[in-house]
C-alpha atoms as a PDB file:
ATOM      1  CA  MET A   1     -10.377 -41.477 -25.870  1.00  0.00           C
ATOM      2  CA  THR A   2      -6.941 -42.193 -26.580  1.00  0.00           C
ATOM      3  CA  GLN A   3      -3.984 -41.699 -24.156  1.00  0.00           C
ATOM      4  CA  ALA A   4      -2.723 -38.857 -26.416  1.00  0.00           C
ATOM      5  CA  ASP A   5      -5.907 -37.094 -26.125  1.00  0.00           C
ATOM      6  CA  GLU A   6      -5.936 -37.392 -22.435  1.00  0.00           C
ATOM      7  CA  LYS A   7      -2.478 -35.878 -22.315  1.00  0.00           C
ATOM      8  CA  GLU A   8      -3.587 -32.830 -24.476  1.00  0.00           C
ATOM      9  CA  LYS A   9      -6.514 -32.328 -22.238  1.00  0.00           C
ATOM     10  CA  GLN A  10      -4.373 -32.346 -19.077  1.00  0.00           C
ATOM     11  CA  PRO A  11      -4.854 -28.841 -17.327  1.00  0.00           C
ATOM     12  CA  THR A  12      -1.912 -26.625 -17.447  1.00  0.00           C
ATOM     13  CA  LEU A  13      -0.187 -25.275 -14.318  1.00  0.00           C
ATOM     14  CA  LEU A  14      -1.987 -21.837 -14.826  1.00  0.00           C
ATOM     15  CA  GLU A  15      -5.380 -23.619 -14.992  1.00  0.00           C
ATOM     16  CA  GLN A  16      -4.514 -25.633 -11.946  1.00  0.00           C
ATOM     17  CA  MET A  17      -4.049 -22.365 -10.273  1.00  0.00           C
ATOM     18  CA  GLY A  18      -7.447 -21.101 -11.128  1.00  0.00           C
ATOM     19  CA  GLY A  19      -6.607 -19.323 -14.474  1.00  0.00           C
ATOM     20  CA  VAL A  20      -6.004 -15.590 -14.836  1.00  0.00           C
ATOM     21  CA  SER A  21      -9.319 -14.854 -13.291  1.00  0.00           C
ATOM     22  CA  GLY A  22      -8.538 -17.111 -10.358  1.00  0.00           C
ATOM     23  CA  LEU A  23      -5.287 -15.242  -9.794  1.00  0.00           C
ATOM     24  CA  ALA A  24      -6.929 -11.827 -10.087  1.00  0.00           C
ATOM     25  CA  LEU A  25      -9.686 -12.922  -7.629  1.00  0.00           C
ATOM     26  CA  SER A  26      -7.194 -14.155  -5.039  1.00  0.00           C
ATOM     27  CA  SER A  27      -5.987 -10.608  -4.654  1.00  0.00           C
ATOM     28  CA  LEU A  28      -9.358  -9.017  -4.113  1.00  0.00           C
ATOM     29  CA  PRO A  29      -9.536  -9.605  -0.224  1.00  0.00           C
ATOM     30  CA  VAL A  30      -6.313  -7.527   0.243  1.00  0.00           C
ATOM     31  CA  VAL A  31      -7.743  -4.663  -1.854  1.00  0.00           C
ATOM     32  CA  VAL A  32     -11.048  -4.924   0.059  1.00  0.00           C
ATOM     33  CA  PHE A  33      -9.364  -4.844   3.388  1.00  0.00           C
ATOM     34  CA  VAL A  34      -7.347  -1.801   2.735  1.00  0.00           C
ATOM     35  CA  LEU A  35     -10.158   0.222   1.246  1.00  0.00           C
ATOM     36  CA  VAL A  36     -12.761  -0.628   4.004  1.00  0.00           C
ATOM     37  CA  ASN A  37      -9.985  -0.162   6.739  1.00  0.00           C
ATOM     38  CA  ALA A  38      -9.286   3.390   5.381  1.00  0.00           C
ATOM     39  CA  PHE A  39     -13.009   4.500   5.410  1.00  0.00           C
ATOM     40  CA  ALA A  40     -14.650   2.346   8.091  1.00  0.00           C
ATOM     41  CA  GLY A  41     -11.939   0.982  10.404  1.00  0.00           C
ATOM     42  CA  LEU A  42     -10.401  -2.376  11.351  1.00  0.00           C
ATOM     43  CA  THR A  43     -13.293  -4.547  12.351  1.00  0.00           C
ATOM     44  CA  PRO A  44     -15.384  -3.883   9.285  1.00  0.00           C
ATOM     45  CA  ALA A  45     -12.245  -4.383   7.175  1.00  0.00           C
ATOM     46  CA  ILE A  46     -11.752  -7.772   8.758  1.00  0.00           C
ATOM     47  CA  TRP A  47     -15.438  -8.822   8.020  1.00  0.00           C
ATOM     48  CA  ALA A  48     -15.267  -7.410   4.515  1.00  0.00           C
ATOM     49  CA  ALA A  49     -12.163  -9.239   3.781  1.00  0.00           C
ATOM     50  CA  LEU A  50     -13.574 -12.492   5.093  1.00  0.00           C
ATOM     51  CA  GLY A  51     -16.766 -12.020   3.201  1.00  0.00           C
ATOM     52  CA  SER A  52     -14.846 -11.616  -0.071  1.00  0.00           C
ATOM     53  CA  ALA A  53     -12.748 -14.527   0.490  1.00  0.00           C
ATOM     54  CA  VAL A  54     -15.752 -16.675   1.121  1.00  0.00           C
ATOM     55  CA  LEU A  55     -17.492 -15.308  -2.002  1.00  0.00           C
ATOM     56  CA  ILE A  56     -14.374 -15.942  -4.184  1.00  0.00           C
ATOM     57  CA  GLY A  57     -14.120 -19.602  -2.714  1.00  0.00           C
ATOM     58  CA  VAL A  58     -17.667 -20.278  -3.648  1.00  0.00           C
ATOM     59  CA  VAL A  59     -17.252 -18.905  -7.176  1.00  0.00           C
ATOM     60  CA  LEU A  60     -14.040 -21.026  -7.642  1.00  0.00           C
ATOM     61  CA  ALA A  61     -15.754 -24.047  -6.063  1.00  0.00           C
ATOM     62  CA  LEU A  62     -18.661 -23.789  -8.472  1.00  0.00           C
ATOM     63  CA  ARG A  63     -16.250 -23.405 -11.493  1.00  0.00           C
ATOM     64  CA  LYS A  64     -14.198 -26.401 -10.497  1.00  0.00           C
ATOM     65  CA  GLY A  65     -16.844 -28.563  -8.865  1.00  0.00           C
ATOM     66  CA  SER A  66     -14.779 -28.931  -5.720  1.00  0.00           C
ATOM     67  CA  VAL A  67     -14.732 -27.288  -2.270  1.00  0.00           C
ATOM     68  CA  GLN A  68     -11.027 -27.487  -2.217  1.00  0.00           C
ATOM     69  CA  PRO A  69     -10.587 -24.036  -3.903  1.00  0.00           C
ATOM     70  CA  ALA A  70     -13.035 -22.515  -1.480  1.00  0.00           C
ATOM     71  CA  VAL A  71     -11.221 -23.757   1.601  1.00  0.00           C
ATOM     72  CA  SER A  72      -7.849 -22.606   0.114  1.00  0.00           C
ATOM     73  CA  ALA A  73      -9.400 -19.133  -0.575  1.00  0.00           C
ATOM     74  CA  VAL A  74     -10.687 -18.674   2.871  1.00  0.00           C
ATOM     75  CA  PHE A  75      -7.880 -20.188   5.002  1.00  0.00           C
ATOM     76  CA  GLY A  76      -5.144 -17.699   4.285  1.00  0.00           C
ATOM     77  CA  VAL A  77      -7.482 -14.733   4.606  1.00  0.00           C
ATOM     78  CA  GLY A  78      -8.927 -16.117   7.772  1.00  0.00           C
ATOM     79  CA  ILE A  79      -5.580 -16.398   9.490  1.00  0.00           C
ATOM     80  CA  ALA A  80      -4.525 -13.016   8.368  1.00  0.00           C
ATOM     81  CA  ALA A  81      -7.912 -11.590   9.617  1.00  0.00           C
ATOM     82  CA  PHE A  82      -7.402 -13.350  12.971  1.00  0.00           C
ATOM     83  CA  ILE A  83      -3.930 -12.015  13.435  1.00  0.00           C
ATOM     84  CA  ALA A  84      -5.157  -8.518  12.784  1.00  0.00           C
ATOM     85  CA  TYR A  85      -7.957  -8.832  15.288  1.00  0.00           C
ATOM     86  CA  ARG A  86      -5.559 -10.037  17.943  1.00  0.00           C
ATOM     87  CA  THR A  87      -3.048  -7.438  17.364  1.00  0.00           C
ATOM     88  CA  GLY A  88      -5.553  -4.717  17.033  1.00  0.00           C
ATOM     89  CA  ASP A  89      -3.609  -3.254  14.067  1.00  0.00           C
ATOM     90  CA  ALA A  90      -4.374  -3.316  10.488  1.00  0.00           C
ATOM     91  CA  LYS A  91      -0.740  -4.143   9.741  1.00  0.00           C
ATOM     92  CA  GLY A  92      -1.345  -7.593  11.427  1.00  0.00           C
ATOM     93  CA  PHE A  93      -3.433  -8.536   8.442  1.00  0.00           C
ATOM     94  CA  PHE A  94      -0.107  -8.844   6.342  1.00  0.00           C
ATOM     95  CA  LEU A  95       2.133 -10.451   9.083  1.00  0.00           C
ATOM     96  CA  TYR A  96       1.148 -14.078   8.220  1.00  0.00           C
ATOM     97  CA  GLY A  97       1.975 -13.623   4.587  1.00  0.00           C
ATOM     98  CA  ILE A  98       5.303 -11.907   5.488  1.00  0.00           C
ATOM     99  CA  TRP A  99       6.438 -14.911   7.715  1.00  0.00           C
ATOM    100  CA  GLN A 100       4.955 -17.296   5.162  1.00  0.00           C
ATOM    101  CA  SER A 101       7.510 -15.998   2.585  1.00  0.00           C
ATOM    102  CA  LEU A 102      10.342 -16.584   4.893  1.00  0.00           C
ATOM    103  CA  VAL A 103       9.160 -20.206   5.585  1.00  0.00           C
ATOM    104  CA  TYR A 104       8.715 -20.815   1.915  1.00  0.00           C
ATOM    105  CA  GLY A 105      12.050 -19.384   0.944  1.00  0.00           C
ATOM    106  CA  GLY A 106      13.916 -21.622   3.543  1.00  0.00           C
ATOM    107  CA  ALA A 107      11.983 -24.659   2.317  1.00  0.00           C
ATOM    108  CA  PHE A 108      13.108 -23.967  -1.265  1.00  0.00           C
ATOM    109  CA  VAL A 109      16.739 -23.606  -0.169  1.00  0.00           C
ATOM    110  CA  LEU A 110      16.541 -26.753   1.783  1.00  0.00           C
ATOM    111  CA  SER A 111      15.302 -28.742  -0.992  1.00  0.00           C
ATOM    112  CA  ILE A 112      18.314 -27.760  -2.978  1.00  0.00           C
ATOM    113  CA  LEU A 113      20.684 -28.872  -0.260  1.00  0.00           C
ATOM    114  CA  VAL A 114      18.983 -32.356   0.022  1.00  0.00           C
ATOM    115  CA  ARG A 115      19.049 -32.710  -3.766  1.00  0.00           C
ATOM    116  CA  ARG A 116      15.298 -32.562  -4.166  1.00  0.00           C
ATOM    117  CA  PRO A 117      14.736 -29.133  -5.748  1.00  0.00           C
ATOM    118  CA  LEU A 118      10.965 -28.207  -5.064  1.00  0.00           C
ATOM    119  CA  ALA A 119      10.590 -26.590  -8.623  1.00  0.00           C
ATOM    120  CA  GLY A 120      11.178 -29.995 -10.203  1.00  0.00           C
ATOM    121  CA  VAL A 121       9.334 -31.941  -7.659  1.00  0.00           C
ATOM    122  CA  ILE A 122       6.188 -29.777  -7.670  1.00  0.00           C
ATOM    123  CA  TRP A 123       6.041 -29.358 -11.342  1.00  0.00           C
ATOM    124  CA  ASN A 124       6.352 -33.094 -12.186  1.00  0.00           C
ATOM    125  CA  MET A 125       3.948 -33.965  -9.419  1.00  0.00           C
ATOM    126  CA  LEU A 126       1.403 -31.634 -10.710  1.00  0.00           C
ATOM    127  CA  ASN A 127       1.758 -32.764 -14.293  1.00  0.00           C
ATOM    128  CA  GLY A 128       2.248 -36.709 -13.514  1.00  0.00           C
ATOM    129  CA  GLN A 129       5.474 -37.031 -15.082  1.00  0.00           C
ATOM    130  CA  GLY A 130       7.207 -39.060 -12.443  1.00  0.00           C
ATOM    131  CA  SER A 131      10.661 -38.791 -11.002  1.00  0.00           C
ATOM    132  CA  ALA A 132      12.754 -39.904 -14.146  1.00  0.00           C
ATOM    133  CA  TRP A 133      14.417 -36.400 -14.072  1.00  0.00           C
ATOM    134  CA  ARG A 134      16.112 -37.001 -10.924  1.00  0.00           C
ATOM    135  CA  GLN A 135      18.397 -39.625 -12.582  1.00  0.00           C
ATOM    136  CA  ASP A 136      19.734 -36.825 -14.899  1.00  0.00           C
ATOM    137  CA  ARG A 137      22.336 -34.674 -13.168  1.00  0.00           C
ATOM    138  CA  ALA A 138      21.757 -31.750 -15.666  1.00  0.00           C
ATOM    139  CA  SER A 139      18.092 -31.798 -15.114  1.00  0.00           C
ATOM    140  CA  VAL A 140      18.664 -31.724 -11.249  1.00  0.00           C
ATOM    141  CA  ARG A 141      21.074 -28.699 -11.717  1.00  0.00           C
ATOM    142  CA  ASP A 142      18.499 -26.848 -13.947  1.00  0.00           C
ATOM    143  CA  TYR A 143      15.716 -27.378 -11.370  1.00  0.00           C
ATOM    144  CA  ASP A 144      18.206 -26.210  -8.604  1.00  0.00           C
ATOM    145  CA  ILE A 145      18.429 -22.884 -10.608  1.00  0.00           C
ATOM    146  CA  ALA A 146      14.743 -22.653 -10.851  1.00  0.00           C
ATOM    147  CA  THR A 147      14.305 -23.397  -7.233  1.00  0.00           C
ATOM    148  CA  LEU A 148      16.801 -20.775  -6.190  1.00  0.00           C
ATOM    149  CA  VAL A 149      14.895 -18.229  -8.267  1.00  0.00           C
ATOM    150  CA  TRP A 150      11.763 -19.121  -6.293  1.00  0.00           C
ATOM    151  CA  ALA A 151      13.663 -18.879  -2.913  1.00  0.00           C
ATOM    152  CA  LEU A 152      14.999 -15.284  -4.043  1.00  0.00           C
ATOM    153  CA  VAL A 153      11.516 -14.232  -4.775  1.00  0.00           C
ATOM    154  CA  PHE A 154      10.204 -15.339  -1.324  1.00  0.00           C
ATOM    155  CA  PHE A 155      13.174 -13.760   0.424  1.00  0.00           C
ATOM    156  CA  ALA A 156      12.690 -10.459  -1.397  1.00  0.00           C
ATOM    157  CA  ARG A 157       9.030 -10.428  -0.329  1.00  0.00           C
ATOM    158  CA  PHE A 158      10.101 -10.976   3.242  1.00  0.00           C
ATOM    159  CA  ALA A 159      12.764  -8.403   3.408  1.00  0.00           C
ATOM    160  CA  VAL A 160      10.809  -5.718   1.676  1.00  0.00           C
ATOM    161  CA  GLN A 161       7.474  -6.197   3.408  1.00  0.00           C
ATOM    162  CA  ARG A 162       9.039  -6.919   6.913  1.00  0.00           C
ATOM    163  CA  TRP A 163      10.716  -3.537   6.492  1.00  0.00           C
ATOM    164  CA  LEU A 164       7.491  -1.861   5.403  1.00  0.00           C
ATOM    165  CA  TYR A 165       5.726  -3.419   8.303  1.00  0.00           C
ATOM    166  CA  ASP A 166       7.907  -1.597  10.678  1.00  0.00           C
ATOM    167  CA  GLU A 167       8.271   1.636   8.878  1.00  0.00           C
ATOM    168  CA  ALA A 168       5.212   2.297   6.636  1.00  0.00           C
ATOM    169  CA  SER A 169       1.518   2.421   6.394  1.00  0.00           C
ATOM    170  CA  VAL A 170      -1.055  -0.371   5.452  1.00  0.00           C
ATOM    171  CA  GLY A 171      -1.568   1.137   2.148  1.00  0.00           C
ATOM    172  CA  TRP A 172       2.251   0.707   1.269  1.00  0.00           C
ATOM    173  CA  LEU A 173       2.153  -2.770   2.570  1.00  0.00           C
ATOM    174  CA  ALA A 174      -0.861  -3.768   0.375  1.00  0.00           C
ATOM    175  CA  ALA A 175       0.878  -2.062  -2.620  1.00  0.00           C
ATOM    176  CA  ALA A 176       4.153  -4.165  -2.030  1.00  0.00           C
ATOM    177  CA  ARG A 177       2.164  -7.344  -1.596  1.00  0.00           C
ATOM    178  CA  LEU A 178       0.415  -6.844  -4.951  1.00  0.00           C
ATOM    179  CA  ALA A 179       3.396  -5.640  -6.742  1.00  0.00           C
ATOM    180  CA  MET A 180       5.640  -8.470  -5.451  1.00  0.00           C
ATOM    181  CA  GLY A 181       3.122 -11.116  -5.847  1.00  0.00           C
ATOM    182  CA  TYR A 182       2.199 -12.278  -9.325  1.00  0.00           C
ATOM    183  CA  PRO A 183       4.853 -10.220 -11.312  1.00  0.00           C
ATOM    184  CA  LEU A 184       7.696 -11.824  -9.209  1.00  0.00           C
ATOM    185  CA  MET A 185       5.837 -15.135  -9.447  1.00  0.00           C
ATOM    186  CA  ALA A 186       5.857 -14.923 -13.224  1.00  0.00           C
ATOM    187  CA  VAL A 187       9.704 -14.464 -13.172  1.00  0.00           C
ATOM    188  CA  ALA A 188      10.029 -17.723 -11.067  1.00  0.00           C
ATOM    189  CA  LEU A 189       7.557 -19.480 -13.453  1.00  0.00           C
ATOM    190  CA  VAL A 190       9.715 -18.481 -16.400  1.00  0.00           C
ATOM    191  CA  ALA A 191      12.684 -20.011 -14.717  1.00  0.00           C
ATOM    192  CA  THR A 192      10.782 -23.239 -13.997  1.00  0.00           C
ATOM    193  CA  VAL A 193       9.549 -23.562 -17.693  1.00  0.00           C
ATOM    194  CA  TRP A 194      13.167 -23.008 -18.808  1.00  0.00           C
ATOM    195  CA  ALA A 195      14.257 -26.008 -16.608  1.00  0.00           C
ATOM    196  CA  VAL A 196      11.368 -28.143 -17.630  1.00  0.00           C
ATOM    197  CA  ARG A 197      12.010 -27.745 -21.290  1.00  0.00           C
ATOM    198  CA  ARG A 198      15.699 -28.363 -21.023  1.00  0.00           C
ATOM    199  CA  SER A 199      14.923 -31.419 -18.972  1.00  0.00           C
ATOM    200  CA  ASP A 200      12.289 -32.801 -21.040  1.00  0.00           C
ATOM    201  CA  LYS A 201      14.589 -32.414 -24.183  1.00  0.00           C
ATOM    202  CA  ARG A 202      17.313 -34.452 -22.503  1.00  0.00           C
ATOM    203  CA  LEU A 203      14.954 -37.235 -21.236  1.00  0.00           C
ATOM    204  CA  LYS A 204      13.276 -37.557 -24.588  1.00  0.00           C
ATOM    205  CA  ALA A 205      16.741 -37.842 -26.231  1.00  0.00           C
ATOM    206  CA  ALA A 206      17.808 -40.413 -23.724  1.00  0.00           C
ATOM    207  CA  ILE A 207      14.699 -42.435 -24.293  1.00  0.00           C
ATOM    208  CA  ALA A 208      15.089 -42.207 -28.164  1.00  0.00           C
ATOM    209  CA  ARG A 209      18.805 -43.397 -27.751  1.00  0.00           C
ATOM    210  CA  GLU A 210      17.702 -46.493 -25.570  1.00  0.00           C
ATOM    211  CA  GLU A 211      14.982 -47.313 -28.163  1.00  0.00           C
ATOM    212  CA  GLU A 212      17.466 -47.008 -30.989  1.00  0.00           C
ATOM    213  CA  GLU A 213      20.002 -49.334 -29.200  1.00  0.00           C
ATOM    214  CA  ASN A 214      17.199 -51.898 -28.419  1.00  0.00           C
ATOM    215  CA  ARG A 215      16.264 -51.798 -32.121  1.00  0.00           C
ATOM    216  CA  GLU A 216      19.899 -52.348 -33.393  1.00  0.00           C
ATOM    217  CA  ALA A 217      20.348 -55.168 -30.783  1.00  0.00           C
ATOM    218  CA  GLU A 218      17.213 -56.825 -32.116  1.00  0.00           C
ATOM    219  CA  GLU A 219      18.274 -56.437 -35.661  1.00  0.00           C
ATOM    220  CA  ARG A 220      21.762 -58.171 -34.894  1.00  0.00           C
ATOM    221  CA  LEU A 221      19.947 -61.107 -33.384  1.00  0.00           C
ATOM    222  CA  ARG A 222      17.697 -61.404 -36.360  1.00  0.00           C
ATOM    223  CA  ALA A 223      20.755 -61.189 -38.770  1.00  0.00           C
ATOM    224  CA  GLN A 224      22.483 -63.891 -36.744  1.00  0.00           C
ATOM    225  CA  ALA A 225      19.336 -66.096 -37.003  1.00  0.00           C
ATOM    226  CA  ALA A 226      19.147 -65.470 -40.872  1.00  0.00           C
ATOM    227  CA  GLU A 227      22.786 -66.470 -41.396  1.00  0.00           C
ATOM    228  CA  GLY A 228      22.268 -69.805 -39.605  1.00  0.00           C
ATOM    229  CA  ARG A 229      24.169 -68.828 -36.354  1.00  0.00           C
ATOM    230  CA  PRO A 230      22.700 -70.310 -33.232  1.00  0.00           C
ATOM    231  CA  ASP A 231      20.487 -67.938 -31.365  1.00  0.00           C
ATOM    232  CA  VAL A 232      21.581 -66.929 -27.918  1.00  0.00           C
ATOM    233  CA  TYR A 233      18.321 -67.726 -26.436  1.00  0.00           C
ATOM    234  CA  GLN A 234      18.029 -70.849 -28.417  1.00  0.00           C
ATOM    235  CA  GLN A 235      21.284 -72.054 -26.972  1.00  0.00           C
ATOM    236  CA  LEU A 236      20.026 -71.265 -23.464  1.00  0.00           C
ATOM    237  CA  ALA A 237      16.861 -73.255 -23.961  1.00  0.00           C
ATOM    238  CA  THR A 238      18.330 -76.266 -25.632  1.00  0.00           C
ATOM    239  CA  PRO A 239      20.059 -78.783 -23.279  1.00  0.00           C
ATOM    240  CA  PRO A 240      23.580 -79.855 -24.406  1.00  0.00           C
ATOM    241  CA  ARG A 241      23.939 -83.177 -26.037  1.00  0.00           C
ATOM    242  CA  PRO A 242      25.530 -85.889 -23.986  1.00  0.00           C
ATOM    243  CA  THR A 243      29.150 -86.855 -24.684  1.00  0.00           C
ATOM    244  CA  ASP A 244      30.603 -90.322 -25.010  1.00  0.00           C
ATOM    245  CA  GLU A 245      32.094 -89.849 -21.500  1.00  0.00           C
ATOM    246  CA  ASP A 246      28.597 -88.863 -20.162  1.00  0.00           C
ATOM    247  CA  ARG A 247      27.195 -92.156 -21.732  1.00  0.00           C
ATOM    248  CA  VAL A 248      29.886 -94.226 -20.062  1.00  0.00           C
ATOM    249  CA  VAL A 249      29.113 -92.819 -16.601  1.00  0.00           C
ATOM    250  CA  ALA A 250      25.396 -93.255 -17.151  1.00  0.00           C
ATOM    251  CA  ARG A 251      25.671 -96.984 -17.698  1.00  0.00           C
ATOM    252  CA  PRO A 252      25.256 -99.350 -14.911  1.00  0.00           C
ATOM    253  CA  ASP A 253      28.362-100.939 -13.477  1.00  0.00           C
ATOM    254  CA  GLU A 254      29.185-104.219 -15.114  1.00  0.00           C
ATOM    255  CA  ARG A 255      30.347-107.013 -12.700  1.00  0.00           C
END
């Protein structure tokens, strides 16, 4: 298998997130929690949400051949269920996600301030493209914009859901979480793809220019050699011929 074939088979960002089915399944525990809580109460809802998260984790693990998706699927739901159990209120199930949005938004803003925009860092890390983009100011600026969009998404989630936590019912909280989940994430992903394409285009153009300059320099050296001009590398490799003065100095003293 060639290197080009390996690049073509590299999983996309959507595939790394579990694909469309994985994204849909990750929302299932929230729906299960709200429905069971409405008909059976808080404790059955907690166990139902945990059970659905474990089931989803097993399905994802079997599909990907790794236990990491299973752990990720259960971890967030487990924390949310624990908070709901400790607070004794179904709204507590959403508290972890609310404050998580605030932390994520702050992290994305901080990454812009330290000139390491997370949209660029995460994208290039997931796709194994290195950090060449950080040497291009325009690429950093584009990734700053994409990172800012992500920060606004997280801050919007926090503001709306924090207000609903104080003012509204569990059903409205669940609706807001689902409505502000993947739809807003899609907007942020569009901004990220826009930044990636602009950055890749500039970096490829820079590499092409460098290769062209190297080609032209090599052609000039070959032309000089064809015209009988001394090659620079040959001049450096060949020691200079001794002059008459050097020969006199080199003779032993005559007495």
